[in-house]
C-alpha atoms as a PDB file:
ATOM      1  CA  MET A   1     -11.471 -16.459  12.531  1.00  0.00           C
ATOM      2  CA  LYS A   2     -13.437 -15.989   9.299  1.00  0.00           C
ATOM      3  CA  ASN A   3     -10.391 -14.372   7.654  1.00  0.00           C
ATOM      4  CA  ILE A   4      -8.222 -17.275   8.761  1.00  0.00           C
ATOM      5  CA  LYS A   5     -10.573 -19.755   7.113  1.00  0.00           C
ATOM      6  CA  HIS A   6     -10.322 -17.807   3.856  1.00  0.00           C
ATOM      7  CA  LEU A   7      -6.570 -17.504   4.163  1.00  0.00           C
ATOM      8  CA  SER A   8      -6.265 -21.200   4.971  1.00  0.00           C
ATOM      9  CA  ILE A   9      -8.273 -22.117   1.915  1.00  0.00           C
ATOM     10  CA  ALA A  10      -6.135 -19.796  -0.209  1.00  0.00           C
ATOM     11  CA  LEU A  11      -2.992 -21.332   1.231  1.00  0.00           C
ATOM     12  CA  LEU A  12      -4.185 -24.851   0.565  1.00  0.00           C
ATOM     13  CA  LEU A  13      -4.970 -23.875  -3.004  1.00  0.00           C
ATOM     14  CA  VAL A  14      -1.465 -22.489  -3.329  1.00  0.00           C
ATOM     15  CA  CYS A  15       0.033 -25.711  -2.005  1.00  0.00           C
ATOM     16  CA  PHE A  16      -1.712 -27.686  -4.730  1.00  0.00           C
ATOM     17  CA  SER A  17      -1.352 -25.083  -7.462  1.00  0.00           C
ATOM     18  CA  ASN A  18       1.120 -25.237 -10.304  1.00  0.00           C
ATOM     19  CA  TYR A  19       0.559 -21.569 -11.064  1.00  0.00           C
ATOM     20  CA  SER A  20       3.530 -19.858  -9.497  1.00  0.00           C
ATOM     21  CA  TYR A  21       5.770 -17.085 -10.679  1.00  0.00           C
ATOM     22  CA  SER A  22       9.059 -16.750  -8.889  1.00  0.00           C
ATOM     23  CA  GLN A  23      11.196 -13.682  -8.714  1.00  0.00           C
ATOM     24  CA  LYS A  24      14.823 -14.564  -9.230  1.00  0.00           C
ATOM     25  CA  PRO A  25      16.420 -15.727  -5.987  1.00  0.00           C
ATOM     26  CA  THR A  26      18.328 -12.996  -4.229  1.00  0.00           C
ATOM     27  CA  LYS A  27      21.979 -12.503  -4.971  1.00  0.00           C
ATOM     28  CA  GLN A  28      22.713 -12.741  -1.277  1.00  0.00           C
ATOM     29  CA  LYS A  29      25.492 -15.218  -0.644  1.00  0.00           C
ATOM     30  CA  ASN A  30      24.467 -18.349   1.141  1.00  0.00           C
ATOM     31  CA  VAL A  31      24.645 -18.139   4.912  1.00  0.00           C
ATOM     32  CA  GLY A  32      25.047 -20.723   7.635  1.00  0.00           C
ATOM     33  CA  GLY A  33      26.952 -23.953   7.973  1.00  0.00           C
ATOM     34  CA  ARG A  34      27.062 -25.736   4.611  1.00  0.00           C
ATOM     35  CA  THR A  35      26.662 -29.537   4.559  1.00  0.00           C
ATOM     36  CA  LYS A  36      27.057 -31.704   1.457  1.00  0.00           C
ATOM     37  CA  THR A  37      24.115 -33.987   0.635  1.00  0.00           C
ATOM     38  CA  SER A  38      23.825 -36.981  -1.691  1.00  0.00           C
ATOM     39  CA  ASN A  39      20.896 -35.326  -3.475  1.00  0.00           C
ATOM     40  CA  PRO A  40      21.924 -33.882  -6.863  1.00  0.00           C
ATOM     41  CA  ASN A  41      18.915 -31.505  -6.792  1.00  0.00           C
ATOM     42  CA  ILE A  42      20.002 -30.034  -3.470  1.00  0.00           C
ATOM     43  CA  PRO A  43      23.768 -30.560  -3.280  1.00  0.00           C
ATOM     44  CA  TYR A  44      24.128 -28.548  -0.053  1.00  0.00           C
ATOM     45  CA  ILE A  45      21.902 -27.641   2.863  1.00  0.00           C
ATOM     46  CA  TYR A  46      22.589 -24.870   5.354  1.00  0.00           C
ATOM     47  CA  GLU A  47      22.405 -25.234   9.126  1.00  0.00           C
ATOM     48  CA  ASN A  48      21.119 -21.969  10.639  1.00  0.00           C
ATOM     49  CA  GLY A  49      21.157 -20.545   7.149  1.00  0.00           C
ATOM     50  CA  PHE A  50      19.957 -20.891   3.575  1.00  0.00           C
ATOM     51  CA  LYS A  51      21.289 -20.907   0.013  1.00  0.00           C
ATOM     52  CA  ASP A  52      19.110 -17.945  -0.998  1.00  0.00           C
ATOM     53  CA  TYR A  53      15.572 -16.712  -0.627  1.00  0.00           C
ATOM     54  CA  GLU A  54      12.865 -15.753  -3.077  1.00  0.00           C
ATOM     55  CA  VAL A  55       9.415 -14.251  -3.003  1.00  0.00           C
ATOM     56  CA  VAL A  56       7.122 -16.441  -5.066  1.00  0.00           C
ATOM     57  CA  LYS A  57       3.920 -15.061  -6.534  1.00  0.00           C
ATOM     58  CA  GLN A  58       1.289 -17.788  -6.731  1.00  0.00           C
ATOM     59  CA  ALA A  59      -2.118 -17.705  -8.319  1.00  0.00           C
ATOM     60  CA  THR A  60      -4.971 -19.267  -6.378  1.00  0.00           C
ATOM     61  CA  LEU A  61      -7.860 -20.444  -8.462  1.00  0.00           C
ATOM     62  CA  ASN A  62     -11.260 -21.592  -7.349  1.00  0.00           C
ATOM     63  CA  SER A  63     -14.696 -21.708  -8.908  1.00  0.00           C
ATOM     64  CA  LYS A  64     -15.603 -18.148  -7.868  1.00  0.00           C
ATOM     65  CA  ASP A  65     -12.468 -16.079  -8.438  1.00  0.00           C
ATOM     66  CA  SER A  66      -8.725 -16.014  -8.652  1.00  0.00           C
ATOM     67  CA  SER A  67      -6.187 -14.062  -6.694  1.00  0.00           C
ATOM     68  CA  THR A  68      -2.499 -14.100  -5.948  1.00  0.00           C
ATOM     69  CA  VAL A  69      -0.526 -14.547  -2.779  1.00  0.00           C
ATOM     70  CA  TYR A  70       3.187 -14.100  -2.155  1.00  0.00           C
ATOM     71  CA  THR A  71       5.300 -16.646  -0.322  1.00  0.00           C
ATOM     72  CA  LEU A  72       8.759 -16.005   1.118  1.00  0.00           C
ATOM     73  CA  LYS A  73      10.849 -19.159   0.583  1.00  0.00           C
ATOM     74  CA  PHE A  74      14.254 -19.858   2.107  1.00  0.00           C
ATOM     75  CA  ASN A  75      15.939 -22.473  -0.080  1.00  0.00           C
ATOM     76  CA  ALA A  76      18.251 -25.348   0.888  1.00  0.00           C
ATOM     77  CA  VAL A  77      17.652 -25.038   4.633  1.00  0.00           C
ATOM     78  CA  ALA A  78      18.660 -27.889   6.923  1.00  0.00           C
ATOM     79  CA  SER A  79      15.059 -28.110   8.170  1.00  0.00           C
ATOM     80  CA  ALA A  80      11.838 -27.186   6.399  1.00  0.00           C
ATOM     81  CA  MET A  81      10.510 -26.301   9.865  1.00  0.00           C
ATOM     82  CA  TYR A  82      12.807 -23.311  10.402  1.00  0.00           C
ATOM     83  CA  THR A  83      10.101 -20.665   9.966  1.00  0.00           C
ATOM     84  CA  GLN A  84       7.699 -22.623  12.171  1.00  0.00           C
ATOM     85  CA  LYS A  85      10.334 -22.923  14.909  1.00  0.00           C
ATOM     86  CA  ILE A  86      11.098 -19.194  14.694  1.00  0.00           C
ATOM     87  CA  MET A  87       7.443 -18.362  15.259  1.00  0.00           C
ATOM     88  CA  PHE A  88       7.010 -20.902  18.065  1.00  0.00           C
ATOM     89  CA  ASP A  89      10.152 -19.801  19.904  1.00  0.00           C
ATOM     90  CA  LYS A  90       9.040 -16.155  19.949  1.00  0.00           C
ATOM     91  CA  PHE A  91       5.216 -16.365  20.065  1.00  0.00           C
ATOM     92  CA  GLY A  92       4.401 -19.785  21.486  1.00  0.00           C
ATOM     93  CA  LYS A  93       1.990 -22.341  20.162  1.00  0.00           C
ATOM     94  CA  TRP A  94       0.218 -21.596  16.888  1.00  0.00           C
ATOM     95  CA  THR A  95      -3.464 -20.645  16.650  1.00  0.00           C
ATOM     96  CA  THR A  96      -4.373 -23.145  13.937  1.00  0.00           C
ATOM     97  CA  ALA A  97      -2.718 -26.076  12.174  1.00  0.00           C
ATOM     98  CA  VAL A  98      -3.882 -26.992   8.671  1.00  0.00           C
ATOM     99  CA  PRO A  99      -2.718 -30.203   6.950  1.00  0.00           C
ATOM    100  CA  SER A 100      -0.544 -29.204   4.015  1.00  0.00           C
ATOM    101  CA  GLY A 101      -1.205 -32.290   1.908  1.00  0.00           C
ATOM    102  CA  ASN A 102       1.288 -34.632   0.293  1.00  0.00           C
ATOM    103  CA  ASN A 103       2.323 -35.848   3.772  1.00  0.00           C
ATOM    104  CA  ASN A 104       4.393 -32.699   4.309  1.00  0.00           C
ATOM    105  CA  GLY A 105       3.128 -31.950   7.800  1.00  0.00           C
ATOM    106  CA  PHE A 106       1.114 -28.889   8.714  1.00  0.00           C
ATOM    107  CA  ILE A 107       0.844 -25.236   7.857  1.00  0.00           C
ATOM    108  CA  LEU A 108       1.019 -23.509  11.237  1.00  0.00           C
ATOM    109  CA  ILE A 109      -0.881 -20.242  11.578  1.00  0.00           C
ATOM    110  CA  TRP A 110      -0.365 -17.517  14.169  1.00  0.00           C
ATOM    111  CA  GLU A 111      -3.002 -14.766  14.388  1.00  0.00           C
ATOM    112  CA  ASN A 112      -2.782 -11.236  15.807  1.00  0.00           C
ATOM    113  CA  ILE A 113       0.990 -11.241  16.180  1.00  0.00           C
ATOM    114  CA  LYS A 114       2.931  -8.055  16.886  1.00  0.00           C
ATOM    115  CA  LEU A 115       5.949  -9.024  14.809  1.00  0.00           C
ATOM    116  CA  PHE A 116       7.949  -5.804  15.175  1.00  0.00           C
ATOM    117  CA  ASP A 117       8.671  -4.033  18.455  1.00  0.00           C
ATOM    118  CA  ASP A 118       8.511  -0.597  16.861  1.00  0.00           C
ATOM    119  CA  ASN A 119       5.169  -1.101  15.082  1.00  0.00           C
ATOM    120  CA  GLU A 120       1.725  -1.799  16.536  1.00  0.00           C
ATOM    121  CA  GLU A 121       0.465  -3.653  13.441  1.00  0.00           C
ATOM    122  CA  LEU A 122      -0.874  -7.153  14.094  1.00  0.00           C
ATOM    123  CA  PHE A 123      -0.102  -9.858  11.563  1.00  0.00           C
ATOM    124  CA  THR A 124      -1.279 -13.316  10.583  1.00  0.00           C
ATOM    125  CA  ILE A 125       1.686 -15.537   9.766  1.00  0.00           C
ATOM    126  CA  MET A 126       1.435 -18.898   8.019  1.00  0.00           C
ATOM    127  CA  ALA A 127       4.603 -20.952   8.292  1.00  0.00           C
ATOM    128  CA  SER A 128       5.325 -24.133   6.381  1.00  0.00           C
ATOM    129  CA  GLY A 129       8.039 -25.912   4.470  1.00  0.00           C
ATOM    130  CA  THR A 130       8.816 -28.726   2.091  1.00  0.00           C
ATOM    131  CA  GLU A 131      11.432 -31.455   2.212  1.00  0.00           C
ATOM    132  CA  SER A 132      11.529 -33.578  -0.919  1.00  0.00           C
ATOM    133  CA  LEU A 133      14.014 -34.889  -3.443  1.00  0.00           C
ATOM    134  CA  GLU A 134      13.217 -31.939  -5.701  1.00  0.00           C
ATOM    135  CA  GLU A 135      13.312 -29.083  -3.206  1.00  0.00           C
ATOM    136  CA  MET A 136      13.989 -28.142   0.395  1.00  0.00           C
ATOM    137  CA  PHE A 137      12.672 -24.876   1.800  1.00  0.00           C
ATOM    138  CA  ALA A 138      11.062 -23.140   4.759  1.00  0.00           C
ATOM    139  CA  ALA A 139       8.384 -20.576   3.940  1.00  0.00           C
ATOM    140  CA  VAL A 140       6.025 -17.931   5.296  1.00  0.00           C
ATOM    141  CA  LEU A 141       3.006 -16.018   4.098  1.00  0.00           C
ATOM    142  CA  VAL A 142       2.263 -12.812   6.012  1.00  0.00           C
ATOM    143  CA  PHE A 143      -0.926 -10.739   6.111  1.00  0.00           C
ATOM    144  CA  ASP A 144      -1.627  -7.538   8.035  1.00  0.00           C
ATOM    145  CA  SER A 145      -4.716  -6.794  10.145  1.00  0.00           C
ATOM    146  CA  LYS A 146      -6.594  -5.674   7.011  1.00  0.00           C
ATOM    147  CA  ASN A 147      -5.759  -8.952   5.265  1.00  0.00           C
ATOM    148  CA  ASN A 148      -3.264  -7.290   2.887  1.00  0.00           C
ATOM    149  CA  ASP A 149      -0.465  -9.502   1.606  1.00  0.00           C
ATOM    150  CA  CYS A 150       2.683  -8.154   3.279  1.00  0.00           C
ATOM    151  CA  LEU A 151       5.049  -9.753   0.771  1.00  0.00           C
ATOM    152  CA  SER A 152       3.514  -8.096  -2.282  1.00  0.00           C
ATOM    153  CA  GLU A 153       5.487  -5.510  -4.221  1.00  0.00           C
ATOM    154  CA  LYS A 154       3.291  -2.742  -2.779  1.00  0.00           C
ATOM    155  CA  SER A 155       3.705  -3.700   0.864  1.00  0.00           C
ATOM    156  CA  GLU A 156       5.517  -1.338   3.199  1.00  0.00           C
ATOM    157  CA  PHE A 157       6.466  -4.379   5.331  1.00  0.00           C
ATOM    158  CA  LYS A 158       8.076  -6.593   2.672  1.00  0.00           C
ATOM    159  CA  LYS A 159      11.742  -5.732   3.278  1.00  0.00           C
ATOM    160  CA  GLU A 160      11.308  -5.728   7.047  1.00  0.00           C
ATOM    161  CA  ILE A 161       9.678  -9.191   6.963  1.00  0.00           C
ATOM    162  CA  ILE A 162      12.437 -10.613   4.748  1.00  0.00           C
ATOM    163  CA  ASP A 163      15.081  -9.172   7.086  1.00  0.00           C
ATOM    164  CA  TYR A 164      13.246 -10.429  10.165  1.00  0.00           C
ATOM    165  CA  PHE A 165      13.046 -14.062   9.012  1.00  0.00           C
ATOM    166  CA  SER A 166      16.521 -14.049   7.404  1.00  0.00           C
ATOM    167  CA  ASN A 167      18.106 -12.915  10.671  1.00  0.00           C
ATOM    168  CA  ALA A 168      15.954 -15.246  12.751  1.00  0.00           C
ATOM    169  CA  ILE A 169      17.099 -18.279  10.712  1.00  0.00           C
ATOM    170  CA  ILE A 170      20.745 -17.294  11.173  1.00  0.00           C
ATOM    171  CA  HIS A 171      20.205 -16.948  14.942  1.00  0.00           C
ATOM    172  CA  LEU A 172      18.048 -20.041  15.544  1.00  0.00           C
ATOM    173  CA  ASN A 173      18.598 -21.637  18.920  1.00  0.00           C
ATOM    174  CA  LYS A 174      19.048 -25.341  19.663  1.00  0.00           C
ATOM    175  CA  ASP A 175      16.001 -25.604  21.964  1.00  0.00           C
ATOM    176  CA  LYS A 176      13.935 -28.693  21.021  1.00  0.00           C
ATOM    177  CA  THR A 177      10.622 -27.626  22.643  1.00  0.00           C
ATOM    178  CA  PHE A 178       9.009 -26.807  19.284  1.00  0.00           C
ATOM    179  CA  TYR A 179       9.741 -30.294  17.929  1.00  0.00           C
ATOM    180  CA  GLU A 180       8.278 -31.879  21.074  1.00  0.00           C
ATOM    181  CA  LYS A 181       5.037 -29.860  20.705  1.00  0.00           C
ATOM    182  CA  TYR A 182       4.751 -30.337  16.937  1.00  0.00           C
END
């Protein structure tokens, strides 16, 4: 639980931080059902899909030190809650919910999750999203049992995590239980 408190604080700092460095969005073609919007910043959203994804490197700053965390963002999704629903549908109710600020709901945190059937590693997953006039995305931060950032360039899990959440968004079900519990 102590690690979660530190991770939660780091995540909150990221949410309010302007210090982010984005890799270029992937060249993957958009996937899912495309719907036109009236928002010029987000002309289309994608049902059970996304325009592209990116791994964003964000600096967290506090009075004692600074560090970076990596966030996987799926852009132009039909719901900013996609990653939260994915986690709920497979692993049930979250361990902790942390207010994300700016009236954007909660960051939902699952601890000690065996994400991959063929690997015994346990992960902490933080799922969130943003719906605003400027941007629309669903996101995750993922840490292993040793608190290593699994979306960093050095992580052996990075590609597998991106593939996992990309495929899960494409195959989202219509079950509304998550929205009733949230």
